[in-house]
Full PDB file with SEQRES, HELIX, SHEET, SSBOND, CRYST1, ORIGX, SCALE, CONECT and MASTER records, all heavy atoms in Angstrom:
SEQRES   1 A   37  ARG LEU ASP ASN GLN PHE PRO GLY ILE ARG GLY SER ILE          
SEQRES   2 A   37  GLU TYR TYR GLU VAL ALA THR PRO LYS THR ILE GLN ARG          
SEQRES   3 A   37  TYR THR SER ASN PRO SER GLY SER VAL TYR GLY                  
HELIX    1 AA1 LEU A    2  GLN A    5  1                                   4    
HELIX    2 AA2 ILE A    9  SER A   12  5                                   4    
HELIX    3 AA3 PRO A   21  THR A   28  1                                   8    
HELIX    4 AA4 PRO A   31  GLY A   33  5                                   3    
CRYST1    1.000    1.000    1.000  90.00  90.00  90.00 P 1           1          
ORIGX1      1.000000  0.000000  0.000000        0.00000                         
ORIGX2      0.000000  1.000000  0.000000        0.00000                         
ORIGX3      0.000000  0.000000  1.000000        0.00000                         
SCALE1      1.000000  0.000000  0.000000        0.00000                         
SCALE2      0.000000  1.000000  0.000000        0.00000                         
SCALE3      0.000000  0.000000  1.000000        0.00000                         
ATOM      1  N   ARG A   1       0.823  -1.211   0.007  1.00  0.00           N  
ATOM      2  CA  ARG A   1       0.005   0.006   0.009  1.00  0.00           C  
ATOM      3  C   ARG A   1       0.854   1.251   0.001  1.00  0.00           C  
ATOM      4  O   ARG A   1       0.523   2.263  -0.626  1.00  0.00           O  
ATOM      5  CB  ARG A   1      -0.938  -0.001   1.211  1.00  0.00           C  
ATOM      6  CG  ARG A   1      -2.061  -1.063   1.105  1.00  0.00           C  
ATOM      7  CD  ARG A   1      -3.011  -0.955   2.254  1.00  0.00           C  
ATOM      8  NE  ARG A   1      -3.686   0.352   2.241  1.00  0.00           N  
ATOM      9  CZ  ARG A   1      -4.335   0.841   3.322  1.00  0.00           C  
ATOM     10  NH1 ARG A   1      -4.402   0.164   4.434  1.00  0.00           N  
ATOM     11  NH2 ARG A   1      -4.930   2.009   3.223  1.00  0.00           N  
ATOM     12  N   LEU A   2       2.000   1.222   0.721  1.00  0.00           N  
ATOM     13  CA  LEU A   2       2.910   2.347   0.719  1.00  0.00           C  
ATOM     14  C   LEU A   2       3.470   2.569  -0.675  1.00  0.00           C  
ATOM     15  O   LEU A   2       3.590   3.669  -1.163  1.00  0.00           O  
ATOM     16  CB  LEU A   2       4.025   2.090   1.739  1.00  0.00           C  
ATOM     17  CG  LEU A   2       5.008   3.274   1.957  1.00  0.00           C  
ATOM     18  CD1 LEU A   2       4.294   4.430   2.645  1.00  0.00           C  
ATOM     19  CD2 LEU A   2       6.208   2.826   2.783  1.00  0.00           C  
ATOM     20  N   ASP A   3       3.810   1.465  -1.348  1.00  0.00           N  
ATOM     21  CA  ASP A   3       4.358   1.565  -2.708  1.00  0.00           C  
ATOM     22  C   ASP A   3       3.309   2.034  -3.706  1.00  0.00           C  
ATOM     23  O   ASP A   3       3.613   2.749  -4.663  1.00  0.00           O  
ATOM     24  CB  ASP A   3       4.909   0.187  -3.140  1.00  0.00           C  
ATOM     25  CG  ASP A   3       5.832   0.318  -4.315  1.00  0.00           C  
ATOM     26  OD1 ASP A   3       6.956   0.829  -4.129  1.00  0.00           O  
ATOM     27  OD2 ASP A   3       5.442  -0.090  -5.421  1.00  0.00           O  
ATOM     28  N   ASN A   4       2.040   1.647  -3.458  1.00  0.00           N  
ATOM     29  CA  ASN A   4       0.989   2.165  -4.327  1.00  0.00           C  
ATOM     30  C   ASN A   4       0.872   3.681  -4.223  1.00  0.00           C  
ATOM     31  O   ASN A   4       0.572   4.374  -5.183  1.00  0.00           O  
ATOM     32  CB  ASN A   4      -0.344   1.519  -3.919  1.00  0.00           C  
ATOM     33  CG  ASN A   4      -0.402   0.033  -4.216  1.00  0.00           C  
ATOM     34  OD1 ASN A   4       0.409  -0.490  -5.000  1.00  0.00           O  
ATOM     35  ND2 ASN A   4      -1.316  -0.663  -3.586  1.00  0.00           N  
ATOM     36  N   GLN A   5       1.091   4.188  -2.980  1.00  0.00           N  
ATOM     37  CA  GLN A   5       0.983   5.643  -2.757  1.00  0.00           C  
ATOM     38  C   GLN A   5       2.228   6.361  -3.282  1.00  0.00           C  
ATOM     39  O   GLN A   5       2.153   7.446  -3.855  1.00  0.00           O  
ATOM     40  CB  GLN A   5       0.819   5.905  -1.257  1.00  0.00           C  
ATOM     41  CG  GLN A   5       0.593   7.351  -0.902  1.00  0.00           C  
ATOM     42  CD  GLN A   5      -0.751   7.864  -1.346  1.00  0.00           C  
ATOM     43  OE1 GLN A   5      -1.772   7.204  -1.137  1.00  0.00           O  
ATOM     44  NE2 GLN A   5      -0.804   9.048  -1.951  1.00  0.00           N  
ATOM     45  N   PHE A   6       3.413   5.734  -3.088  1.00  0.00           N  
ATOM     46  CA  PHE A   6       4.660   6.326  -3.481  1.00  0.00           C  
ATOM     47  C   PHE A   6       5.429   5.331  -4.343  1.00  0.00           C  
ATOM     48  O   PHE A   6       6.276   4.592  -3.846  1.00  0.00           O  
ATOM     49  CB  PHE A   6       5.508   6.720  -2.269  1.00  0.00           C  
ATOM     50  CG  PHE A   6       4.796   7.634  -1.292  1.00  0.00           C  
ATOM     51  CD1 PHE A   6       4.410   7.143  -0.026  1.00  0.00           C  
ATOM     52  CD2 PHE A   6       4.449   8.921  -1.617  1.00  0.00           C  
ATOM     53  CE1 PHE A   6       3.764   7.963   0.870  1.00  0.00           C  
ATOM     54  CE2 PHE A   6       3.800   9.753  -0.705  1.00  0.00           C  
ATOM     55  CZ  PHE A   6       3.444   9.269   0.532  1.00  0.00           C  
ATOM     56  N   PRO A   7       5.101   5.225  -5.642  1.00  0.00           N  
ATOM     57  CA  PRO A   7       5.684   4.200  -6.505  1.00  0.00           C  
ATOM     58  C   PRO A   7       7.199   4.123  -6.474  1.00  0.00           C  
ATOM     59  O   PRO A   7       7.880   5.165  -6.612  1.00  0.00           O  
ATOM     60  CB  PRO A   7       5.185   4.618  -7.890  1.00  0.00           C  
ATOM     61  CG  PRO A   7       3.927   5.384  -7.634  1.00  0.00           C  
ATOM     62  CD  PRO A   7       4.185   6.121  -6.336  1.00  0.00           C  
ATOM     63  N   GLY A   8       7.681   2.917  -6.233  1.00  0.00           N  
ATOM     64  CA  GLY A   8       9.139   2.701  -6.213  1.00  0.00           C  
ATOM     65  C   GLY A   8       9.752   2.717  -4.850  1.00  0.00           C  
ATOM     66  O   GLY A   8      10.903   2.245  -4.683  1.00  0.00           O  
ATOM     67  N   ILE A   9       9.023   3.163  -3.840  1.00  0.00           N  
ATOM     68  CA  ILE A   9       9.612   3.325  -2.508  1.00  0.00           C  
ATOM     69  C   ILE A   9       9.966   1.955  -1.898  1.00  0.00           C  
ATOM     70  O   ILE A   9      10.938   1.842  -1.157  1.00  0.00           O  
ATOM     71  CB  ILE A   9       8.655   4.116  -1.567  1.00  0.00           C  
ATOM     72  CG1 ILE A   9       9.414   4.530  -0.290  1.00  0.00           C  
ATOM     73  CG2 ILE A   9       7.436   3.299  -1.219  1.00  0.00           C  
ATOM     74  CD1 ILE A   9       8.608   5.468   0.588  1.00  0.00           C  
ATOM     75  N   ARG A  10       9.212   0.946  -2.263  1.00  0.00           N  
ATOM     76  CA  ARG A  10       9.425  -0.367  -1.671  1.00  0.00           C  
ATOM     77  C   ARG A  10      10.816  -0.936  -2.019  1.00  0.00           C  
ATOM     78  O   ARG A  10      11.449  -1.623  -1.225  1.00  0.00           O  
ATOM     79  CB  ARG A  10       8.343  -1.325  -2.126  1.00  0.00           C  
ATOM     80  CG  ARG A  10       8.362  -2.664  -1.390  1.00  0.00           C  
ATOM     81  CD  ARG A  10       7.109  -3.468  -1.706  1.00  0.00           C  
ATOM     82  NE  ARG A  10       7.079  -4.721  -1.007  1.00  0.00           N  
ATOM     83  CZ  ARG A  10       6.038  -5.550  -0.978  1.00  0.00           C  
ATOM     84  NH1 ARG A  10       4.979  -5.249  -1.663  1.00  0.00           N  
ATOM     85  NH2 ARG A  10       6.099  -6.674  -0.270  1.00  0.00           N  
ATOM     86  N   GLY A  11      11.296  -0.592  -3.230  1.00  0.00           N  
ATOM     87  CA  GLY A  11      12.590  -1.093  -3.660  1.00  0.00           C  
ATOM     88  C   GLY A  11      13.756  -0.499  -2.860  1.00  0.00           C  
ATOM     89  O   GLY A  11      14.859  -1.013  -2.965  1.00  0.00           O  
ATOM     90  N   SER A  12      13.514   0.592  -2.149  1.00  0.00           N  
ATOM     91  CA  SER A  12      14.598   1.237  -1.373  1.00  0.00           C  
ATOM     92  C   SER A  12      14.620   0.778   0.092  1.00  0.00           C  
ATOM     93  O   SER A  12      15.418   1.283   0.858  1.00  0.00           O  
ATOM     94  CB  SER A  12      14.443   2.748  -1.427  1.00  0.00           C  
ATOM     95  OG  SER A  12      13.316   3.172  -0.673  1.00  0.00           O  
ATOM     96  N   ILE A  13      13.748  -0.152   0.457  1.00  0.00           N  
ATOM     97  CA  ILE A  13      13.689  -0.599   1.845  1.00  0.00           C  
ATOM     98  C   ILE A  13      14.785  -1.595   2.143  1.00  0.00           C  
ATOM     99  O   ILE A  13      14.881  -2.651   1.511  1.00  0.00           O  
ATOM    100  CB  ILE A  13      12.301  -1.224   2.161  1.00  0.00           C  
ATOM    101  CG1 ILE A  13      11.205  -0.171   2.039  1.00  0.00           C  
ATOM    102  CG2 ILE A  13      12.294  -1.836   3.550  1.00  0.00           C  
ATOM    103  CD1 ILE A  13       9.815  -0.711   2.170  1.00  0.00           C  
ATOM    104  N   GLU A  14      15.638  -1.257   3.079  1.00  0.00           N  
ATOM    105  CA  GLU A  14      16.717  -2.112   3.511  1.00  0.00           C  
ATOM    106  C   GLU A  14      16.321  -2.908   4.739  1.00  0.00           C  
ATOM    107  O   GLU A  14      16.818  -4.010   4.980  1.00  0.00           O  
ATOM    108  CB  GLU A  14      17.980  -1.263   3.802  1.00  0.00           C  
ATOM    109  CG  GLU A  14      19.174  -2.041   4.287  1.00  0.00           C  
ATOM    110  CD  GLU A  14      20.372  -1.136   4.552  1.00  0.00           C  
ATOM    111  OE1 GLU A  14      20.587  -0.178   3.793  1.00  0.00           O  
ATOM    112  OE2 GLU A  14      21.101  -1.414   5.534  1.00  0.00           O  
ATOM    113  N   TYR A  15      15.459  -2.339   5.567  1.00  0.00           N  
ATOM    114  CA  TYR A  15      15.081  -2.969   6.845  1.00  0.00           C  
ATOM    115  C   TYR A  15      13.624  -2.694   7.130  1.00  0.00           C  
ATOM    116  O   TYR A  15      13.120  -1.579   6.859  1.00  0.00           O  
ATOM    117  CB  TYR A  15      15.962  -2.416   7.974  1.00  0.00           C  
ATOM    118  CG  TYR A  15      15.282  -2.400   9.333  1.00  0.00           C  
ATOM    119  CD1 TYR A  15      15.297  -3.544  10.151  1.00  0.00           C  
ATOM    120  CD2 TYR A  15      14.637  -1.269   9.790  1.00  0.00           C  
ATOM    121  CE1 TYR A  15      14.676  -3.548  11.372  1.00  0.00           C  
ATOM    122  CE2 TYR A  15      14.010  -1.242  11.025  1.00  0.00           C  
ATOM    123  CZ  TYR A  15      14.050  -2.403  11.818  1.00  0.00           C  
ATOM    124  OH  TYR A  15      13.398  -2.371  13.044  1.00  0.00           O  
ATOM    125  N   TYR A  16      12.906  -3.680   7.636  1.00  0.00           N  
ATOM    126  CA  TYR A  16      11.583  -3.445   8.167  1.00  0.00           C  
ATOM    127  C   TYR A  16      11.318  -4.400   9.337  1.00  0.00           C  
ATOM    128  O   TYR A  16      11.853  -5.498   9.374  1.00  0.00           O  
ATOM    129  CB  TYR A  16      10.479  -3.572   7.094  1.00  0.00           C  
ATOM    130  CG  TYR A  16      10.290  -4.949   6.551  1.00  0.00           C  
ATOM    131  CD1 TYR A  16       9.344  -5.863   7.146  1.00  0.00           C  
ATOM    132  CD2 TYR A  16      10.968  -5.397   5.428  1.00  0.00           C  
ATOM    133  CE1 TYR A  16       9.129  -7.102   6.627  1.00  0.00           C  
ATOM    134  CE2 TYR A  16      10.751  -6.666   4.911  1.00  0.00           C  
ATOM    135  CZ  TYR A  16       9.844  -7.508   5.523  1.00  0.00           C  
ATOM    136  OH  TYR A  16       9.623  -8.785   5.023  1.00  0.00           O  
ATOM    137  N   GLU A  17      10.466  -3.950  10.259  1.00  0.00           N  
ATOM    138  CA  GLU A  17      10.168  -4.744  11.447  1.00  0.00           C  
ATOM    139  C   GLU A  17       8.810  -4.300  12.007  1.00  0.00           C  
ATOM    140  O   GLU A  17       8.539  -3.072  12.068  1.00  0.00           O  
ATOM    141  CB  GLU A  17      11.265  -4.571  12.479  1.00  0.00           C  
ATOM    142  CG  GLU A  17      11.139  -5.459  13.714  1.00  0.00           C  
ATOM    143  CD  GLU A  17      12.352  -5.404  14.615  1.00  0.00           C  
ATOM    144  OE1 GLU A  17      13.360  -4.744  14.237  1.00  0.00           O  
ATOM    145  OE2 GLU A  17      12.333  -6.019  15.688  1.00  0.00           O  
ATOM    146  N   VAL A  18       8.004  -5.245  12.401  1.00  0.00           N  
ATOM    147  CA  VAL A  18       6.659  -4.924  12.927  1.00  0.00           C  
ATOM    148  C   VAL A  18       6.639  -5.008  14.420  1.00  0.00           C  
ATOM    149  O   VAL A  18       7.124  -5.979  15.036  1.00  0.00           O  
ATOM    150  CB  VAL A  18       5.623  -5.901  12.351  1.00  0.00           C  
ATOM    151  CG1 VAL A  18       4.241  -5.630  12.959  1.00  0.00           C  
ATOM    152  CG2 VAL A  18       5.537  -5.755  10.833  1.00  0.00           C  
ATOM    153  N   ALA A  19       6.086  -3.981  15.075  1.00  0.00           N  
ATOM    154  CA  ALA A  19       5.773  -4.006  16.517  1.00  0.00           C  
ATOM    155  C   ALA A  19       4.268  -3.977  16.658  1.00  0.00           C  
ATOM    156  O   ALA A  19       3.593  -3.095  16.116  1.00  0.00           O  
ATOM    157  CB  ALA A  19       6.399  -2.803  17.215  1.00  0.00           C  
ATOM    158  N   THR A  20       3.743  -4.934  17.371  1.00  0.00           N  
ATOM    159  CA  THR A  20       2.304  -5.078  17.552  1.00  0.00           C  
ATOM    160  C   THR A  20       1.883  -4.645  18.941  1.00  0.00           C  
ATOM    161  O   THR A  20       2.724  -4.340  19.790  1.00  0.00           O  
ATOM    162  CB  THR A  20       1.873  -6.546  17.349  1.00  0.00           C  
ATOM    163  OG1 THR A  20       2.337  -7.318  18.482  1.00  0.00           O  
ATOM    164  CG2 THR A  20       2.465  -7.117  16.079  1.00  0.00           C  
ATOM    165  N   PRO A  21       0.592  -4.600  19.249  1.00  0.00           N  
ATOM    166  CA  PRO A  21       0.132  -4.339  20.610  1.00  0.00           C  
ATOM    167  C   PRO A  21       0.753  -5.331  21.620  1.00  0.00           C  
ATOM    168  O   PRO A  21       0.983  -4.960  22.778  1.00  0.00           O  
ATOM    169  CB  PRO A  21      -1.372  -4.525  20.529  1.00  0.00           C  
ATOM    170  CG  PRO A  21      -1.710  -4.092  19.125  1.00  0.00           C  
ATOM    171  CD  PRO A  21      -0.551  -4.628  18.297  1.00  0.00           C  
ATOM    172  N   LYS A  22       1.026  -6.537  21.161  1.00  0.00           N  
ATOM    173  CA  LYS A  22       1.668  -7.524  22.023  1.00  0.00           C  
ATOM    174  C   LYS A  22       3.080  -7.096  22.370  1.00  0.00           C  
ATOM    175  O   LYS A  22       3.584  -7.328  23.488  1.00  0.00           O  
ATOM    176  CB  LYS A  22       1.663  -8.889  21.325  1.00  0.00           C  
ATOM    177  CG  LYS A  22       1.882 -10.081  22.203  1.00  0.00           C  
ATOM    178  CD  LYS A  22       1.605 -11.388  21.430  1.00  0.00           C  
ATOM    179  CE  LYS A  22       1.763 -12.569  22.348  1.00  0.00           C  
ATOM    180  NZ  LYS A  22       1.512 -13.847  21.597  1.00  0.00           N  
ATOM    181  N   THR A  23       3.759  -6.488  21.426  1.00  0.00           N  
ATOM    182  CA  THR A  23       5.106  -5.930  21.670  1.00  0.00           C  
ATOM    183  C   THR A  23       5.051  -4.850  22.731  1.00  0.00           C  
ATOM    184  O   THR A  23       5.881  -4.804  23.649  1.00  0.00           O  
ATOM    185  CB  THR A  23       5.692  -5.362  20.355  1.00  0.00           C  
ATOM    186  OG1 THR A  23       5.534  -6.257  19.277  1.00  0.00           O  
ATOM    187  CG2 THR A  23       7.169  -5.028  20.554  1.00  0.00           C  
ATOM    188  N   ILE A  24       4.095  -3.951  22.581  1.00  0.00           N  
ATOM    189  CA  ILE A  24       3.952  -2.844  23.532  1.00  0.00           C  
ATOM    190  C   ILE A  24       3.654  -3.390  24.937  1.00  0.00           C  
ATOM    191  O   ILE A  24       4.219  -2.957  25.922  1.00  0.00           O  
ATOM    192  CB  ILE A  24       2.857  -1.880  23.068  1.00  0.00           C  
ATOM    193  CG1 ILE A  24       3.250  -1.225  21.763  1.00  0.00           C  
ATOM    194  CG2 ILE A  24       2.525  -0.846  24.142  1.00  0.00           C  
ATOM    195  CD1 ILE A  24       2.138  -0.436  21.096  1.00  0.00           C  
ATOM    196  N   GLN A  25       2.799  -4.394  25.010  1.00  0.00           N  
ATOM    197  CA  GLN A  25       2.475  -5.009  26.297  1.00  0.00           C  
ATOM    198  C   GLN A  25       3.732  -5.656  26.910  1.00  0.00           C  
ATOM    199  O   GLN A  25       3.982  -5.542  28.127  1.00  0.00           O  
ATOM    200  CB  GLN A  25       1.369  -6.044  26.140  1.00  0.00           C  
ATOM    201  CG  GLN A  25       0.938  -6.661  27.463  1.00  0.00           C  
ATOM    202  CD  GLN A  25       0.011  -7.865  27.267  1.00  0.00           C  
ATOM    203  OE1 GLN A  25       0.329  -8.741  26.484  1.00  0.00           O  
ATOM    204  NE2 GLN A  25      -1.121  -7.880  27.970  1.00  0.00           N  
ATOM    205  N   ARG A  26       4.532  -6.310  26.084  1.00  0.00           N  
ATOM    206  CA  ARG A  26       5.691  -7.020  26.611  1.00  0.00           C  
ATOM    207  C   ARG A  26       6.734  -6.031  27.197  1.00  0.00           C  
ATOM    208  O   ARG A  26       7.300  -6.308  28.255  1.00  0.00           O  
ATOM    209  CB  ARG A  26       6.355  -7.859  25.478  1.00  0.00           C  
ATOM    210  CG  ARG A  26       7.559  -8.644  25.977  1.00  0.00           C  
ATOM    211  CD  ARG A  26       7.985  -9.690  24.972  1.00  0.00           C  
ATOM    212  NE  ARG A  26       8.651  -9.140  23.793  1.00  0.00           N  
ATOM    213  CZ  ARG A  26       8.132  -9.105  22.595  1.00  0.00           C  
ATOM    214  NH1 ARG A  26       6.904  -9.577  22.384  1.00  0.00           N  
ATOM    215  NH2 ARG A  26       8.779  -8.595  21.549  1.00  0.00           N  
ATOM    216  N   TYR A  27       6.948  -4.925  26.532  1.00  0.00           N  
ATOM    217  CA  TYR A  27       7.993  -4.014  26.974  1.00  0.00           C  
ATOM    218  C   TYR A  27       7.545  -3.001  28.011  1.00  0.00           C  
ATOM    219  O   TYR A  27       8.339  -2.443  28.748  1.00  0.00           O  
ATOM    220  CB  TYR A  27       8.615  -3.267  25.763  1.00  0.00           C  
ATOM    221  CG  TYR A  27       9.532  -4.156  24.991  1.00  0.00           C  
ATOM    222  CD1 TYR A  27       9.151  -4.734  23.788  1.00  0.00           C  
ATOM    223  CD2 TYR A  27      10.826  -4.405  25.448  1.00  0.00           C  
ATOM    224  CE1 TYR A  27       9.984  -5.540  23.050  1.00  0.00           C  
ATOM    225  CE2 TYR A  27      11.696  -5.230  24.737  1.00  0.00           C  
ATOM    226  CZ  TYR A  27      11.280  -5.791  23.520  1.00  0.00           C  
ATOM    227  OH  TYR A  27      12.123  -6.603  22.820  1.00  0.00           O  
ATOM    228  N   THR A  28       6.239  -2.686  28.055  1.00  0.00           N  
ATOM    229  CA  THR A  28       5.733  -1.686  29.034  1.00  0.00           C  
ATOM    230  C   THR A  28       4.856  -2.277  30.104  1.00  0.00           C  
ATOM    231  O   THR A  28       4.550  -1.582  31.082  1.00  0.00           O  
ATOM    232  CB  THR A  28       4.932  -0.596  28.289  1.00  0.00           C  
ATOM    233  OG1 THR A  28       3.707  -1.194  27.779  1.00  0.00           O  
ATOM    234  CG2 THR A  28       5.725   0.035  27.150  1.00  0.00           C  
ATOM    235  N   SER A  29       4.413  -3.531  29.917  1.00  0.00           N  
ATOM    236  CA  SER A  29       3.469  -4.186  30.830  1.00  0.00           C  
ATOM    237  C   SER A  29       2.074  -3.550  30.838  1.00  0.00           C  
ATOM    238  O   SER A  29       1.273  -3.879  31.689  1.00  0.00           O  
ATOM    239  CB  SER A  29       4.013  -4.275  32.264  1.00  0.00           C  
ATOM    240  OG  SER A  29       5.183  -5.073  32.316  1.00  0.00           O  
ATOM    241  N   ASN A  30       1.824  -2.657  29.915  1.00  0.00           N  
ATOM    242  CA  ASN A  30       0.493  -2.027  29.869  1.00  0.00           C  
ATOM    243  C   ASN A  30      -0.577  -3.051  29.479  1.00  0.00           C  
ATOM    244  O   ASN A  30      -0.469  -3.644  28.411  1.00  0.00           O  
ATOM    245  CB  ASN A  30       0.480  -0.875  28.865  1.00  0.00           C  
ATOM    246  CG  ASN A  30       1.078   0.400  29.437  1.00  0.00           C  
ATOM    247  OD1 ASN A  30       1.071   0.590  30.640  1.00  0.00           O  
ATOM    248  ND2 ASN A  30       1.570   1.249  28.567  1.00  0.00           N  
ATOM    249  N   PRO A  31      -1.608  -3.199  30.278  1.00  0.00           N  
ATOM    250  CA  PRO A  31      -2.707  -4.082  29.904  1.00  0.00           C  
ATOM    251  C   PRO A  31      -3.306  -3.658  28.554  1.00  0.00           C  
ATOM    252  O   PRO A  31      -3.378  -2.435  28.263  1.00  0.00           O  
ATOM    253  CB  PRO A  31      -3.737  -3.865  31.033  1.00  0.00           C  
ATOM    254  CG  PRO A  31      -2.934  -3.384  32.181  1.00  0.00           C  
ATOM    255  CD  PRO A  31      -1.809  -2.602  31.588  1.00  0.00           C  
ATOM    256  N   SER A  32      -3.680  -4.617  27.746  1.00  0.00           N  
ATOM    257  CA  SER A  32      -4.236  -4.395  26.419  1.00  0.00           C  
ATOM    258  C   SER A  32      -3.252  -3.742  25.447  1.00  0.00           C  
ATOM    259  O   SER A  32      -3.594  -3.378  24.341  1.00  0.00           O  
ATOM    260  CB  SER A  32      -5.501  -3.509  26.470  1.00  0.00           C  
ATOM    261  OG  SER A  32      -6.423  -4.005  27.381  1.00  0.00           O  
ATOM    262  N   GLY A  33      -2.010  -3.611  25.902  1.00  0.00           N  
ATOM    263  CA  GLY A  33      -1.025  -2.887  25.071  1.00  0.00           C  
ATOM    264  C   GLY A  33      -1.390  -1.421  24.899  1.00  0.00           C  
ATOM    265  O   GLY A  33      -0.963  -0.755  23.948  1.00  0.00           O  
ATOM    266  N   SER A  34      -2.196  -0.930  25.857  1.00  0.00           N  
ATOM    267  CA  SER A  34      -2.738   0.438  25.749  1.00  0.00           C  
ATOM    268  C   SER A  34      -1.608   1.461  25.792  1.00  0.00           C  
ATOM    269  O   SER A  34      -0.745   1.379  26.652  1.00  0.00           O  
ATOM    270  CB  SER A  34      -3.705   0.718  26.895  1.00  0.00           C  
ATOM    271  OG  SER A  34      -4.841  -0.168  26.792  1.00  0.00           O  
ATOM    272  N   VAL A  35      -1.645   2.422  24.874  1.00  0.00           N  
ATOM    273  CA  VAL A  35      -0.621   3.451  24.870  1.00  0.00           C  
ATOM    274  C   VAL A  35      -1.061   4.773  25.482  1.00  0.00           C  
ATOM    275  O   VAL A  35      -0.254   5.622  25.770  1.00  0.00           O  
ATOM    276  CB  VAL A  35      -0.152   3.706  23.409  1.00  0.00           C  
ATOM    277  CG1 VAL A  35       0.717   2.580  22.914  1.00  0.00           C  
ATOM    278  CG2 VAL A  35      -1.326   3.922  22.464  1.00  0.00           C  
ATOM    279  N   TYR A  36      -2.388   4.908  25.746  1.00  0.00           N  
ATOM    280  CA  TYR A  36      -2.892   6.143  26.337  1.00  0.00           C  
ATOM    281  C   TYR A  36      -3.577   5.909  27.663  1.00  0.00           C  
ATOM    282  O   TYR A  36      -4.351   6.742  28.117  1.00  0.00           O  
ATOM    283  CB  TYR A  36      -3.878   6.801  25.362  1.00  0.00           C  
ATOM    284  CG  TYR A  36      -3.280   6.990  23.963  1.00  0.00           C  
ATOM    285  CD1 TYR A  36      -3.909   6.445  22.847  1.00  0.00           C  
ATOM    286  CD2 TYR A  36      -2.089   7.688  23.795  1.00  0.00           C  
ATOM    287  CE1 TYR A  36      -3.341   6.579  21.568  1.00  0.00           C  
ATOM    288  CE2 TYR A  36      -1.550   7.825  22.532  1.00  0.00           C  
ATOM    289  CZ  TYR A  36      -2.144   7.277  21.439  1.00  0.00           C  
ATOM    290  OH  TYR A  36      -1.592   7.414  20.190  1.00  0.00           O  
ATOM    291  N   GLY A  37      -3.283   4.751  28.282  1.00  0.00           N  
ATOM    292  CA  GLY A  37      -3.905   4.463  29.583  1.00  0.00           C  
ATOM    293  C   GLY A  37      -5.391   4.182  29.403  1.00  0.00           C  
ATOM    294  O   GLY A  37      -5.816   3.554  28.459  1.00  0.00           O  
TER     295      GLY A  37                                                      
MASTER        0    0    0    4    0    0    0    6  294    1    0    3          
END                                                                             
């Protein structure tokens, strides 16, 4: 979808990584992975 918006940008990606609500919960201990309390 990013490449559809900005054609060619995908070819310049060297690194990508996904952080999910589960990631937020693991590192902050916030219930529900909530970022705004």
